[in-house]
Amino acid sequence: MARTLVICMFGLLCACTVSAQKKTDLEIEGLKGRVRSVRVEWARLTVEGGKLVASPRRPQRLTIYDEQGNKTESMIFKHDGSILTKSVYGKDAQGNLVTASFDGNGKLIRRTVMM
């Protein structure tokens, strides 16, 4: 009985350790494999002569990841293709997640530190 209890406790401890591991940004977003970037584009669809016709595609969003699957940059684009906002992600000397957000002209508009 005591042996069964010890085995159950060990199994529970292992399960808690595995579930406590931090997921990468890629895993959180449901992406698998070696993804370097995700680009989202849009196009206007119209019907001309009974056929579906797409306008030229334009960027909407771009996200870049490092080798470990962590987000390093993200950009949101205006309808004309210029950058609306750009965010850069990294860690400070204490290991805290730091995000710096810039407007389309490169001016810092926000800096956050998650402890």
PDB file of N, CA and C in Angstrom:
ATOM      1  N   MET A   1       0.817  -1.195   0.000  1.00  0.00           N
ATOM      2  CA  MET A   1       0.000   0.000   0.000  1.00  0.00           C
ATOM      3  C   MET A   1       0.866   1.267   0.000  1.00  0.00           C
ATOM      4  N   ALA A   2       1.880   1.258   0.854  1.00  0.00           N
ATOM      5  CA  ALA A   2       2.765   2.424   0.941  1.00  0.00           C
ATOM      6  C   ALA A   2       3.509   2.621  -0.378  1.00  0.00           C
ATOM      7  N   ARG A   3       3.891   1.496  -1.002  1.00  0.00           N
ATOM      8  CA  ARG A   3       4.609   1.588  -2.271  1.00  0.00           C
ATOM      9  C   ARG A   3       3.714   2.206  -3.347  1.00  0.00           C
ATOM     10  N   THR A   4       2.452   1.803  -3.386  1.00  0.00           N
ATOM     11  CA  THR A   4       1.502   2.353  -4.349  1.00  0.00           C
ATOM     12  C   THR A   4       1.313   3.851  -4.126  1.00  0.00           C
ATOM     13  N   LEU A   5       1.242   4.253  -2.867  1.00  0.00           N
ATOM     14  CA  LEU A   5       1.090   5.668  -2.539  1.00  0.00           C
ATOM     15  C   LEU A   5       2.304   6.471  -2.997  1.00  0.00           C
ATOM     16  N   VAL A   6       3.508   5.931  -2.794  1.00  0.00           N
ATOM     17  CA  VAL A   6       4.735   6.609  -3.215  1.00  0.00           C
ATOM     18  C   VAL A   6       4.769   6.741  -4.738  1.00  0.00           C
ATOM     19  N   ILE A   7       4.388   5.687  -5.446  1.00  0.00           N
ATOM     20  CA  ILE A   7       4.373   5.719  -6.912  1.00  0.00           C
ATOM     21  C   ILE A   7       3.365   6.752  -7.411  1.00  0.00           C
ATOM     22  N   CYS A   8       2.189   6.800  -6.796  1.00  0.00           N
ATOM     23  CA  CYS A   8       1.173   7.785  -7.185  1.00  0.00           C
ATOM     24  C   CYS A   8       1.660   9.211  -6.937  1.00  0.00           C
ATOM     25  N   MET A   9       2.294   9.443  -5.797  1.00  0.00           N
ATOM     26  CA  MET A   9       2.807  10.776  -5.479  1.00  0.00           C
ATOM     27  C   MET A   9       3.894  11.180  -6.471  1.00  0.00           C
ATOM     28  N   PHE A  10       4.775  10.238  -6.825  1.00  0.00           N
ATOM     29  CA  PHE A  10       5.833  10.518  -7.787  1.00  0.00           C
ATOM     30  C   PHE A  10       5.235  10.871  -9.150  1.00  0.00           C
ATOM     31  N   GLY A  11       4.233  10.110  -9.571  1.00  0.00           N
ATOM     32  CA  GLY A  11       3.570  10.385 -10.846  1.00  0.00           C
ATOM     33  C   GLY A  11       2.905  11.749 -10.856  1.00  0.00           C
ATOM     34  N   LEU A  12       2.263  12.109  -9.753  1.00  0.00           N
ATOM     35  CA  LEU A  12       1.622  13.415  -9.639  1.00  0.00           C
ATOM     36  C   LEU A  12       2.655  14.539  -9.690  1.00  0.00           C
ATOM     37  N   LEU A  13       3.774  14.342  -9.023  1.00  0.00           N
ATOM     38  CA  LEU A  13       4.846  15.335  -9.026  1.00  0.00           C
ATOM     39  C   LEU A  13       5.397  15.531 -10.438  1.00  0.00           C
ATOM     40  N   CYS A  14       5.612  14.446 -11.162  1.00  0.00           N
ATOM     41  CA  CYS A  14       6.113  14.543 -12.544  1.00  0.00           C
ATOM     42  C   CYS A  14       5.107  15.257 -13.443  1.00  0.00           C
ATOM     43  N   ALA A  15       3.828  14.960 -13.280  1.00  0.00           N
ATOM     44  CA  ALA A  15       2.796  15.596 -14.101  1.00  0.00           C
ATOM     45  C   ALA A  15       2.748  17.097 -13.845  1.00  0.00           C
ATOM     46  N   CYS A  16       2.890  17.499 -12.596  1.00  0.00           N
ATOM     47  CA  CYS A  16       2.875  18.933 -12.265  1.00  0.00           C
ATOM     48  C   CYS A  16       4.091  19.640 -12.859  1.00  0.00           C
ATOM     49  N   THR A  17       5.240  18.982 -12.853  1.00  0.00           N
ATOM     50  CA  THR A  17       6.456  19.579 -13.396  1.00  0.00           C
ATOM     51  C   THR A  17       6.331  19.788 -14.899  1.00  0.00           C
ATOM     52  N   VAL A  18       5.794  18.793 -15.600  1.00  0.00           N
ATOM     53  CA  VAL A  18       5.637  18.900 -17.049  1.00  0.00           C
ATOM     54  C   VAL A  18       4.655  20.010 -17.401  1.00  0.00           C
ATOM     55  N   SER A  19       3.539  20.112 -16.681  1.00  0.00           N
ATOM     56  CA  SER A  19       2.545  21.132 -17.014  1.00  0.00           C
ATOM     57  C   SER A  19       3.021  22.533 -16.659  1.00  0.00           C
ATOM     58  N   ALA A  20       4.013  22.655 -15.779  1.00  0.00           N
ATOM     59  CA  ALA A  20       4.506  23.966 -15.368  1.00  0.00           C
ATOM     60  C   ALA A  20       5.542  24.530 -16.340  1.00  0.00           C
ATOM     61  N   GLN A  21       6.005  23.735 -17.316  1.00  0.00           N
ATOM     62  CA  GLN A  21       7.000  24.221 -18.260  1.00  0.00           C
ATOM     63  C   GLN A  21       6.396  25.318 -19.127  1.00  0.00           C
ATOM     64  N   LYS A  22       7.168  26.366 -19.373  1.00  0.00           N
ATOM     65  CA  LYS A  22       6.697  27.509 -20.149  1.00  0.00           C
ATOM     66  C   LYS A  22       6.618  27.157 -21.629  1.00  0.00           C
ATOM     67  N   LYS A  23       5.514  27.504 -22.240  1.00  0.00           N
ATOM     68  CA  LYS A  23       5.350  27.295 -23.674  1.00  0.00           C
ATOM     69  C   LYS A  23       5.983  28.454 -24.432  1.00  0.00           C
ATOM     70  N   THR A  24       6.466  28.160 -25.629  1.00  0.00           N
ATOM     71  CA  THR A  24       7.006  29.219 -26.484  1.00  0.00           C
ATOM     72  C   THR A  24       5.840  29.970 -27.125  1.00  0.00           C
ATOM     73  N   ASP A  25       6.139  31.122 -27.704  1.00  0.00           N
ATOM     74  CA  ASP A  25       5.110  31.892 -28.402  1.00  0.00           C
ATOM     75  C   ASP A  25       4.520  31.091 -29.561  1.00  0.00           C
ATOM     76  N   LEU A  26       5.353  30.313 -30.244  1.00  0.00           N
ATOM     77  CA  LEU A  26       4.858  29.478 -31.343  1.00  0.00           C
ATOM     78  C   LEU A  26       3.842  28.465 -30.841  1.00  0.00           C
ATOM     79  N   GLU A  27       4.138  27.814 -29.705  1.00  0.00           N
ATOM     80  CA  GLU A  27       3.222  26.820 -29.141  1.00  0.00           C
ATOM     81  C   GLU A  27       1.925  27.475 -28.688  1.00  0.00           C
ATOM     82  N   ILE A  28       2.026  28.646 -28.073  1.00  0.00           N
ATOM     83  CA  ILE A  28       0.832  29.363 -27.620  1.00  0.00           C
ATOM     84  C   ILE A  28      -0.064  29.704 -28.805  1.00  0.00           C
ATOM     85  N   GLU A  29       0.533  30.051 -29.936  1.00  0.00           N
ATOM     86  CA  GLU A  29      -0.227  30.424 -31.129  1.00  0.00           C
ATOM     87  C   GLU A  29      -0.628  29.213 -31.973  1.00  0.00           C
ATOM     88  N   GLY A  30      -0.308  28.005 -31.503  1.00  0.00           N
ATOM     89  CA  GLY A  30      -0.721  26.791 -32.191  1.00  0.00           C
ATOM     90  C   GLY A  30       0.099  26.454 -33.422  1.00  0.00           C
ATOM     91  N   LEU A  31       1.304  26.997 -33.522  1.00  0.00           N
ATOM     92  CA  LEU A  31       2.171  26.731 -34.668  1.00  0.00           C
ATOM     93  C   LEU A  31       3.164  25.636 -34.318  1.00  0.00           C
ATOM     94  N   LYS A  32       3.502  24.803 -35.294  1.00  0.00           N
ATOM     95  CA  LYS A  32       4.422  23.691 -35.061  1.00  0.00           C
ATOM     96  C   LYS A  32       5.554  23.732 -36.067  1.00  0.00           C
ATOM     97  N   GLY A  33       6.690  23.196 -35.656  1.00  0.00           N
ATOM     98  CA  GLY A  33       7.837  23.155 -36.550  1.00  0.00           C
ATOM     99  C   GLY A  33       8.707  24.382 -36.395  1.00  0.00           C
ATOM    100  N   ARG A  34       9.632  24.539 -37.338  1.00  0.00           N
ATOM    101  CA  ARG A  34      10.590  25.658 -37.297  1.00  0.00           C
ATOM    102  C   ARG A  34      10.025  26.839 -38.074  1.00  0.00           C
ATOM    103  N   VAL A  35       9.189  27.603 -37.426  1.00  0.00           N
ATOM    104  CA  VAL A  35       8.570  28.772 -38.045  1.00  0.00           C
ATOM    105  C   VAL A  35       9.445  29.981 -37.767  1.00  0.00           C
ATOM    106  N   ARG A  36       9.816  30.698 -38.813  1.00  0.00           N
ATOM    107  CA  ARG A  36      10.632  31.909 -38.640  1.00  0.00           C
ATOM    108  C   ARG A  36       9.771  33.158 -38.629  1.00  0.00           C
ATOM    109  N   SER A  37       8.704  33.166 -39.434  1.00  0.00           N
ATOM    110  CA  SER A  37       7.824  34.330 -39.473  1.00  0.00           C
ATOM    111  C   SER A  37       6.441  33.921 -39.969  1.00  0.00           C
ATOM    112  N   VAL A  38       5.469  34.758 -39.621  1.00  0.00           N
ATOM    113  CA  VAL A  38       4.099  34.589 -40.104  1.00  0.00           C
ATOM    114  C   VAL A  38       3.680  35.922 -40.696  1.00  0.00           C
ATOM    115  N   ARG A  39       3.255  35.889 -41.943  1.00  0.00           N
ATOM    116  CA  ARG A  39       2.830  37.107 -42.643  1.00  0.00           C
ATOM    117  C   ARG A  39       1.353  36.954 -42.989  1.00  0.00           C
ATOM    118  N   VAL A  40       0.547  37.922 -42.580  1.00  0.00           N
ATOM    119  CA  VAL A  40      -0.880  37.934 -42.892  1.00  0.00           C
ATOM    120  C   VAL A  40      -1.102  39.042 -43.911  1.00  0.00           C
ATOM    121  N   GLU A  41      -1.761  38.690 -45.019  1.00  0.00           N
ATOM    122  CA  GLU A  41      -2.034  39.653 -46.081  1.00  0.00           C
ATOM    123  C   GLU A  41      -3.528  39.703 -46.346  1.00  0.00           C
ATOM    124  N   TRP A  42      -3.963  40.755 -46.997  1.00  0.00           N
ATOM    125  CA  TRP A  42      -5.367  40.865 -47.368  1.00  0.00           C
ATOM    126  C   TRP A  42      -5.470  41.298 -48.828  1.00  0.00           C
ATOM    127  N   ALA A  43      -6.609  40.962 -49.415  1.00  0.00           N
ATOM    128  CA  ALA A  43      -6.904  41.383 -50.787  1.00  0.00           C
ATOM    129  C   ALA A  43      -8.413  41.589 -50.895  1.00  0.00           C
ATOM    130  N   ARG A  44      -8.802  42.546 -51.701  1.00  0.00           N
ATOM    131  CA  ARG A  44     -10.228  42.799 -51.926  1.00  0.00           C
ATOM    132  C   ARG A  44     -10.692  41.856 -53.042  1.00  0.00           C
ATOM    133  N   LEU A  45     -11.793  41.161 -52.797  1.00  0.00           N
ATOM    134  CA  LEU A  45     -12.351  40.243 -53.787  1.00  0.00           C
ATOM    135  C   LEU A  45     -13.596  40.859 -54.409  1.00  0.00           C
ATOM    136  N   THR A  46     -13.664  40.810 -55.727  1.00  0.00           N
ATOM    137  CA  THR A  46     -14.837  41.303 -56.455  1.00  0.00           C
ATOM    138  C   THR A  46     -15.227  40.273 -57.507  1.00  0.00           C
ATOM    139  N   VAL A  47     -16.454  40.356 -57.943  1.00  0.00           N
ATOM    140  CA  VAL A  47     -16.928  39.475 -59.013  1.00  0.00           C
ATOM    141  C   VAL A  47     -17.002  40.311 -60.289  1.00  0.00           C
ATOM    142  N   GLU A  48     -16.242  39.888 -61.288  1.00  0.00           N
ATOM    143  CA  GLU A  48     -16.230  40.570 -62.585  1.00  0.00           C
ATOM    144  C   GLU A  48     -16.477  39.541 -63.678  1.00  0.00           C
ATOM    145  N   GLY A  49     -17.549  39.742 -64.420  1.00  0.00           N
ATOM    146  CA  GLY A  49     -17.878  38.813 -65.498  1.00  0.00           C
ATOM    147  C   GLY A  49     -18.147  37.408 -64.990  1.00  0.00           C
ATOM    148  N   GLY A  50     -18.700  37.315 -63.789  1.00  0.00           N
ATOM    149  CA  GLY A  50     -19.013  36.011 -63.218  1.00  0.00           C
ATOM    150  C   GLY A  50     -17.825  35.301 -62.581  1.00  0.00           C
ATOM    151  N   LYS A  51     -16.659  35.952 -62.563  1.00  0.00           N
ATOM    152  CA  LYS A  51     -15.465  35.340 -61.974  1.00  0.00           C
ATOM    153  C   LYS A  51     -14.997  36.157 -60.775  1.00  0.00           C
ATOM    154  N   LEU A  52     -14.454  35.466 -59.812  1.00  0.00           N
ATOM    155  CA  LEU A  52     -13.910  36.111 -58.624  1.00  0.00           C
ATOM    156  C   LEU A  52     -12.524  36.662 -58.943  1.00  0.00           C
ATOM    157  N   VAL A  53     -12.329  37.966 -58.708  1.00  0.00           N
ATOM    158  CA  VAL A  53     -11.063  38.628 -59.017  1.00  0.00           C
ATOM    159  C   VAL A  53     -10.518  39.243 -57.734  1.00  0.00           C
ATOM    160  N   ALA A  54      -9.235  39.007 -57.459  1.00  0.00           N
ATOM    161  CA  ALA A  54      -8.590  39.543 -56.256  1.00  0.00           C
ATOM    162  C   ALA A  54      -7.718  40.735 -56.621  1.00  0.00           C
ATOM    163  N   SER A  55      -7.767  41.756 -55.774  1.00  0.00           N
ATOM    164  CA  SER A  55      -6.860  42.898 -55.947  1.00  0.00           C
ATOM    165  C   SER A  55      -5.459  42.454 -55.530  1.00  0.00           C
ATOM    166  N   PRO A  56      -4.445  43.259 -55.802  1.00  0.00           N
ATOM    167  CA  PRO A  56      -3.103  42.903 -55.318  1.00  0.00           C
ATOM    168  C   PRO A  56      -3.113  42.743 -53.792  1.00  0.00           C
ATOM    169  N   ARG A  57      -2.386  41.747 -53.311  1.00  0.00           N
ATOM    170  CA  ARG A  57      -2.326  41.507 -51.866  1.00  0.00           C
ATOM    171  C   ARG A  57      -1.508  42.591 -51.184  1.00  0.00           C
ATOM    172  N   ARG A  58      -1.924  42.930 -49.971  1.00  0.00           N
ATOM    173  CA  ARG A  58      -1.209  43.926 -49.170  1.00  0.00           C
ATOM    174  C   ARG A  58      -0.948  43.346 -47.790  1.00  0.00           C
ATOM    175  N   PRO A  59       0.187  43.706 -47.204  1.00  0.00           N
ATOM    176  CA  PRO A  59       0.485  43.163 -45.872  1.00  0.00           C
ATOM    177  C   PRO A  59      -0.463  43.735 -44.823  1.00  0.00           C
ATOM    178  N   GLN A  60      -0.824  42.891 -43.869  1.00  0.00           N
ATOM    179  CA  GLN A  60      -1.648  43.329 -42.748  1.00  0.00           C
ATOM    180  C   GLN A  60      -0.857  43.237 -41.445  1.00  0.00           C
ATOM    181  N   ARG A  61      -0.095  42.122 -41.307  1.00  0.00           N
ATOM    182  CA  ARG A  61       0.668  41.896 -40.078  1.00  0.00           C
ATOM    183  C   ARG A  61       1.842  40.971 -40.383  1.00  0.00           C
ATOM    184  N   LEU A  62       2.948  41.173 -39.667  1.00  0.00           N
ATOM    185  CA  LEU A  62       4.128  40.320 -39.793  1.00  0.00           C
ATOM    186  C   LEU A  62       4.662  40.057 -38.394  1.00  0.00           C
ATOM    187  N   THR A  63       4.890  38.784 -38.080  1.00  0.00           N
ATOM    188  CA  THR A  63       5.456  38.402 -36.785  1.00  0.00           C
ATOM    189  C   THR A  63       6.697  37.569 -37.046  1.00  0.00           C
ATOM    190  N   ILE A  64       7.798  37.888 -36.354  1.00  0.00           N
ATOM    191  CA  ILE A  64       9.075  37.196 -36.531  1.00  0.00           C
ATOM    192  C   ILE A  64       9.435  36.495 -35.225  1.00  0.00           C
ATOM    193  N   TYR A  65       9.951  35.258 -35.346  1.00  0.00           N
ATOM    194  CA  TYR A  65      10.303  34.433 -34.191  1.00  0.00           C
ATOM    195  C   TYR A  65      11.789  34.088 -34.224  1.00  0.00           C
ATOM    196  N   ASP A  66      12.364  33.822 -33.041  1.00  0.00           N
ATOM    197  CA  ASP A  66      13.758  33.385 -32.980  1.00  0.00           C
ATOM    198  C   ASP A  66      13.824  31.861 -33.076  1.00  0.00           C
ATOM    199  N   GLU A  67      15.026  31.300 -32.987  1.00  0.00           N
ATOM    200  CA  GLU A  67      15.232  29.851 -33.120  1.00  0.00           C
ATOM    201  C   GLU A  67      14.513  29.053 -32.030  1.00  0.00           C
ATOM    202  N   GLN A  68      14.301  29.669 -30.862  1.00  0.00           N
ATOM    203  CA  GLN A  68      13.643  28.982 -29.752  1.00  0.00           C
ATOM    204  C   GLN A  68      12.117  29.088 -29.831  1.00  0.00           C
ATOM    205  N   GLY A  69      11.603  29.805 -30.809  1.00  0.00           N
ATOM    206  CA  GLY A  69      10.159  29.935 -30.968  1.00  0.00           C
ATOM    207  C   GLY A  69       9.562  31.108 -30.220  1.00  0.00           C
ATOM    208  N   ASN A  70      10.392  32.040 -29.791  1.00  0.00           N
ATOM    209  CA  ASN A  70       9.907  33.231 -29.094  1.00  0.00           C
ATOM    210  C   ASN A  70       9.757  34.391 -30.071  1.00  0.00           C
ATOM    211  N   LYS A  71       8.709  35.172 -29.885  1.00  0.00           N
ATOM    212  CA  LYS A  71       8.439  36.325 -30.734  1.00  0.00           C
ATOM    213  C   LYS A  71       9.522  37.375 -30.511  1.00  0.00           C
ATOM    214  N   THR A  72      10.107  37.893 -31.604  1.00  0.00           N
ATOM    215  CA  THR A  72      11.127  38.938 -31.490  1.00  0.00           C
ATOM    216  C   THR A  72      10.641  40.275 -32.041  1.00  0.00           C
ATOM    217  N   GLU A  73       9.777  40.235 -33.053  1.00  0.00           N
ATOM    218  CA  GLU A  73       9.239  41.461 -33.654  1.00  0.00           C
ATOM    219  C   GLU A  73       7.836  41.206 -34.169  1.00  0.00           C
ATOM    220  N   SER A  74       7.028  42.253 -34.157  1.00  0.00           N
ATOM    221  CA  SER A  74       5.733  42.191 -34.830  1.00  0.00           C
ATOM    222  C   SER A  74       5.433  43.564 -35.411  1.00  0.00           C
ATOM    223  N   MET A  75       4.824  43.561 -36.582  1.00  0.00           N
ATOM    224  CA  MET A  75       4.479  44.803 -37.264  1.00  0.00           C
ATOM    225  C   MET A  75       3.036  44.737 -37.731  1.00  0.00           C
ATOM    226  N   ILE A  76       2.351  45.861 -37.611  1.00  0.00           N
ATOM    227  CA  ILE A  76       1.002  46.011 -38.144  1.00  0.00           C
ATOM    228  C   ILE A  76       1.088  47.086 -39.220  1.00  0.00           C
ATOM    229  N   PHE A  77       0.481  46.799 -40.374  1.00  0.00           N
ATOM    230  CA  PHE A  77       0.592  47.688 -41.523  1.00  0.00           C
ATOM    231  C   PHE A  77      -0.710  48.440 -41.782  1.00  0.00           C
ATOM    232  N   LYS A  78      -0.579  49.636 -42.346  1.00  0.00           N
ATOM    233  CA  LYS A  78      -1.734  50.404 -42.809  1.00  0.00           C
ATOM    234  C   LYS A  78      -2.189  49.829 -44.143  1.00  0.00           C
ATOM    235  N   HIS A  79      -3.346  50.300 -44.634  1.00  0.00           N
ATOM    236  CA  HIS A  79      -3.862  49.812 -45.920  1.00  0.00           C
ATOM    237  C   HIS A  79      -2.936  50.121 -47.084  1.00  0.00           C
ATOM    238  N   ASP A  80      -2.129  51.182 -46.968  1.00  0.00           N
ATOM    239  CA  ASP A  80      -1.212  51.522 -48.065  1.00  0.00           C
ATOM    240  C   ASP A  80       0.100  50.739 -48.005  1.00  0.00           C
ATOM    241  N   GLY A  81       0.243  49.861 -47.012  1.00  0.00           N
ATOM    242  CA  GLY A  81       1.444  49.033 -46.892  1.00  0.00           C
ATOM    243  C   GLY A  81       2.512  49.599 -45.981  1.00  0.00           C
ATOM    244  N   SER A  82       2.343  50.832 -45.521  1.00  0.00           N
ATOM    245  CA  SER A  82       3.328  51.411 -44.600  1.00  0.00           C
ATOM    246  C   SER A  82       3.091  50.879 -43.181  1.00  0.00           C
ATOM    247  N   ILE A  83       4.111  50.973 -42.353  1.00  0.00           N
ATOM    248  CA  ILE A  83       4.024  50.438 -40.993  1.00  0.00           C
ATOM    249  C   ILE A  83       3.205  51.370 -40.110  1.00  0.00           C
ATOM    250  N   LEU A  84       2.205  50.801 -39.438  1.00  0.00           N
ATOM    251  CA  LEU A  84       1.413  51.543 -38.460  1.00  0.00           C
ATOM    252  C   LEU A  84       2.112  51.490 -37.107  1.00  0.00           C
ATOM    253  N   THR A  85       2.426  50.265 -36.648  1.00  0.00           N
ATOM    254  CA  THR A  85       3.164  50.079 -35.395  1.00  0.00           C
ATOM    255  C   THR A  85       4.134  48.918 -35.542  1.00  0.00           C
ATOM    256  N   LYS A  86       5.213  48.992 -34.783  1.00  0.00           N
ATOM    257  CA  LYS A  86       6.197  47.918 -34.738  1.00  0.00           C
ATOM    258  C   LYS A  86       6.530  47.674 -33.270  1.00  0.00           C
ATOM    259  N   SER A  87       6.536  46.417 -32.864  1.00  0.00           N
ATOM    260  CA  SER A  87       6.903  46.050 -31.501  1.00  0.00           C
ATOM    261  C   SER A  87       8.104  45.127 -31.540  1.00  0.00           C
ATOM    262  N   VAL A  88       9.034  45.349 -30.616  1.00  0.00           N
ATOM    263  CA  VAL A  88      10.241  44.535 -30.497  1.00  0.00           C
ATOM    264  C   VAL A  88      10.216  43.901 -29.116  1.00  0.00           C
ATOM    265  N   TYR A  89      10.472  42.586 -29.066  1.00  0.00           N
ATOM    266  CA  TYR A  89      10.402  41.831 -27.817  1.00  0.00           C
ATOM    267  C   TYR A  89      11.783  41.306 -27.450  1.00  0.00           C
ATOM    268  N   GLY A  90      12.103  41.324 -26.173  1.00  0.00           N
ATOM    269  CA  GLY A  90      13.383  40.806 -25.701  1.00  0.00           C
ATOM    270  C   GLY A  90      13.357  40.649 -24.193  1.00  0.00           C
ATOM    271  N   LYS A  91      14.520  40.392 -23.624  1.00  0.00           N
ATOM    272  CA  LYS A  91      14.641  40.242 -22.172  1.00  0.00           C
ATOM    273  C   LYS A  91      15.709  41.186 -21.659  1.00  0.00           C
ATOM    274  N   ASP A  92      15.483  41.710 -20.450  1.00  0.00           N
ATOM    275  CA  ASP A  92      16.487  42.580 -19.836  1.00  0.00           C
ATOM    276  C   ASP A  92      17.484  41.732 -19.052  1.00  0.00           C
ATOM    277  N   ALA A  93      18.409  42.368 -18.355  1.00  0.00           N
ATOM    278  CA  ALA A  93      19.470  41.666 -17.627  1.00  0.00           C
ATOM    279  C   ALA A  93      18.921  40.756 -16.535  1.00  0.00           C
ATOM    280  N   GLN A  94      17.736  41.071 -16.007  1.00  0.00           N
ATOM    281  CA  GLN A  94      17.136  40.249 -14.955  1.00  0.00           C
ATOM    282  C   GLN A  94      16.262  39.128 -15.517  1.00  0.00           C
ATOM    283  N   GLY A  95      16.148  39.038 -16.827  1.00  0.00           N
ATOM    284  CA  GLY A  95      15.348  37.990 -17.448  1.00  0.00           C
ATOM    285  C   GLY A  95      13.883  38.354 -17.623  1.00  0.00           C
ATOM    286  N   ASN A  96      13.516  39.604 -17.368  1.00  0.00           N
ATOM    287  CA  ASN A  96      12.134  40.055 -17.543  1.00  0.00           C
ATOM    288  C   ASN A  96      11.850  40.312 -19.020  1.00  0.00           C
ATOM    289  N   LEU A  97      10.634  40.003 -19.444  1.00  0.00           N
ATOM    290  CA  LEU A  97      10.231  40.251 -20.824  1.00  0.00           C
ATOM    291  C   LEU A  97      10.027  41.747 -21.028  1.00  0.00           C
ATOM    292  N   VAL A  98      10.697  42.306 -22.028  1.00  0.00           N
ATOM    293  CA  VAL A  98      10.609  43.736 -22.330  1.00  0.00           C
ATOM    294  C   VAL A  98      10.016  43.895 -23.726  1.00  0.00           C
ATOM    295  N   THR A  99       9.023  44.772 -23.841  1.00  0.00           N
ATOM    296  CA  THR A  99       8.412  45.077 -25.124  1.00  0.00           C
ATOM    297  C   THR A  99       8.538  46.570 -25.385  1.00  0.00           C
ATOM    298  N   ALA A 100       9.039  46.918 -26.556  1.00  0.00           N
ATOM    299  CA  ALA A 100       9.113  48.317 -26.975  1.00  0.00           C
ATOM    300  C   ALA A 100       8.261  48.461 -28.228  1.00  0.00           C
ATOM    301  N   SER A 101       7.323  49.415 -28.203  1.00  0.00           N
ATOM    302  CA  SER A 101       6.434  49.645 -29.341  1.00  0.00           C
ATOM    303  C   SER A 101       6.722  51.007 -29.949  1.00  0.00           C
ATOM    304  N   PHE A 102       6.743  51.042 -31.279  1.00  0.00           N
ATOM    305  CA  PHE A 102       7.084  52.248 -32.023  1.00  0.00           C
ATOM    306  C   PHE A 102       5.969  52.581 -33.000  1.00  0.00           C
ATOM    307  N   ASP A 103       5.808  53.872 -33.310  1.00  0.00           N
ATOM    308  CA  ASP A 103       4.846  54.257 -34.340  1.00  0.00           C
ATOM    309  C   ASP A 103       5.494  54.096 -35.716  1.00  0.00           C
ATOM    310  N   GLY A 104       4.779  54.464 -36.759  1.00  0.00           N
ATOM    311  CA  GLY A 104       5.278  54.311 -38.119  1.00  0.00           C
ATOM    312  C   GLY A 104       6.518  55.123 -38.438  1.00  0.00           C
ATOM    313  N   ASN A 105       6.799  56.155 -37.641  1.00  0.00           N
ATOM    314  CA  ASN A 105       7.992  56.981 -37.844  1.00  0.00           C
ATOM    315  C   ASN A 105       9.173  56.519 -37.005  1.00  0.00           C
ATOM    316  N   GLY A 106       8.996  55.444 -36.249  1.00  0.00           N
ATOM    317  CA  GLY A 106      10.074  54.932 -35.413  1.00  0.00           C
ATOM    318  C   GLY A 106      10.143  55.551 -34.030  1.00  0.00           C
ATOM    319  N   LYS A 107       9.157  56.365 -33.667  1.00  0.00           N
ATOM    320  CA  LYS A 107       9.131  57.009 -32.350  1.00  0.00           C
ATOM    321  C   LYS A 107       8.598  56.023 -31.310  1.00  0.00           C
ATOM    322  N   LEU A 108       9.308  55.904 -30.191  1.00  0.00           N
ATOM    323  CA  LEU A 108       8.885  55.020 -29.104  1.00  0.00           C
ATOM    324  C   LEU A 108       7.570  55.528 -28.523  1.00  0.00           C
ATOM    325  N   ILE A 109       6.550  54.665 -28.529  1.00  0.00           N
ATOM    326  CA  ILE A 109       5.259  55.070 -27.976  1.00  0.00           C
ATOM    327  C   ILE A 109       4.923  54.338 -26.682  1.00  0.00           C
ATOM    328  N   ARG A 110       5.603  53.185 -26.438  1.00  0.00           N
ATOM    329  CA  ARG A 110       5.332  52.449 -25.205  1.00  0.00           C
ATOM    330  C   ARG A 110       6.458  51.463 -24.948  1.00  0.00           C
ATOM    331  N   ARG A 111       6.788  51.318 -23.681  1.00  0.00           N
ATOM    332  CA  ARG A 111       7.770  50.315 -23.258  1.00  0.00           C
ATOM    333  C   ARG A 111       7.206  49.635 -22.031  1.00  0.00           C
ATOM    334  N   THR A 112       7.121  48.308 -22.076  1.00  0.00           N
ATOM    335  CA  THR A 112       6.596  47.567 -20.936  1.00  0.00           C
ATOM    336  C   THR A 112       7.607  46.523 -20.496  1.00  0.00           C
ATOM    337  N   VAL A 113       7.612  46.262 -19.190  1.00  0.00           N
ATOM    338  CA  VAL A 113       8.462  45.229 -18.603  1.00  0.00           C
ATOM    339  C   VAL A 113       7.552  44.311 -17.807  1.00  0.00           C
ATOM    340  N   MET A 114       7.567  43.017 -18.150  1.00  0.00           N
ATOM    341  CA  MET A 114       6.761  42.029 -17.426  1.00  0.00           C
ATOM    342  C   MET A 114       7.672  41.253 -16.498  1.00  0.00           C
ATOM    343  N   MET A 115       7.393  41.357 -15.211  1.00  0.00           N
ATOM    344  CA  MET A 115       8.226  40.682 -14.211  1.00  0.00           C
ATOM    345  C   MET A 115       7.641  39.348 -13.837  1.00  0.00           C
TER     346      MET A 115
END
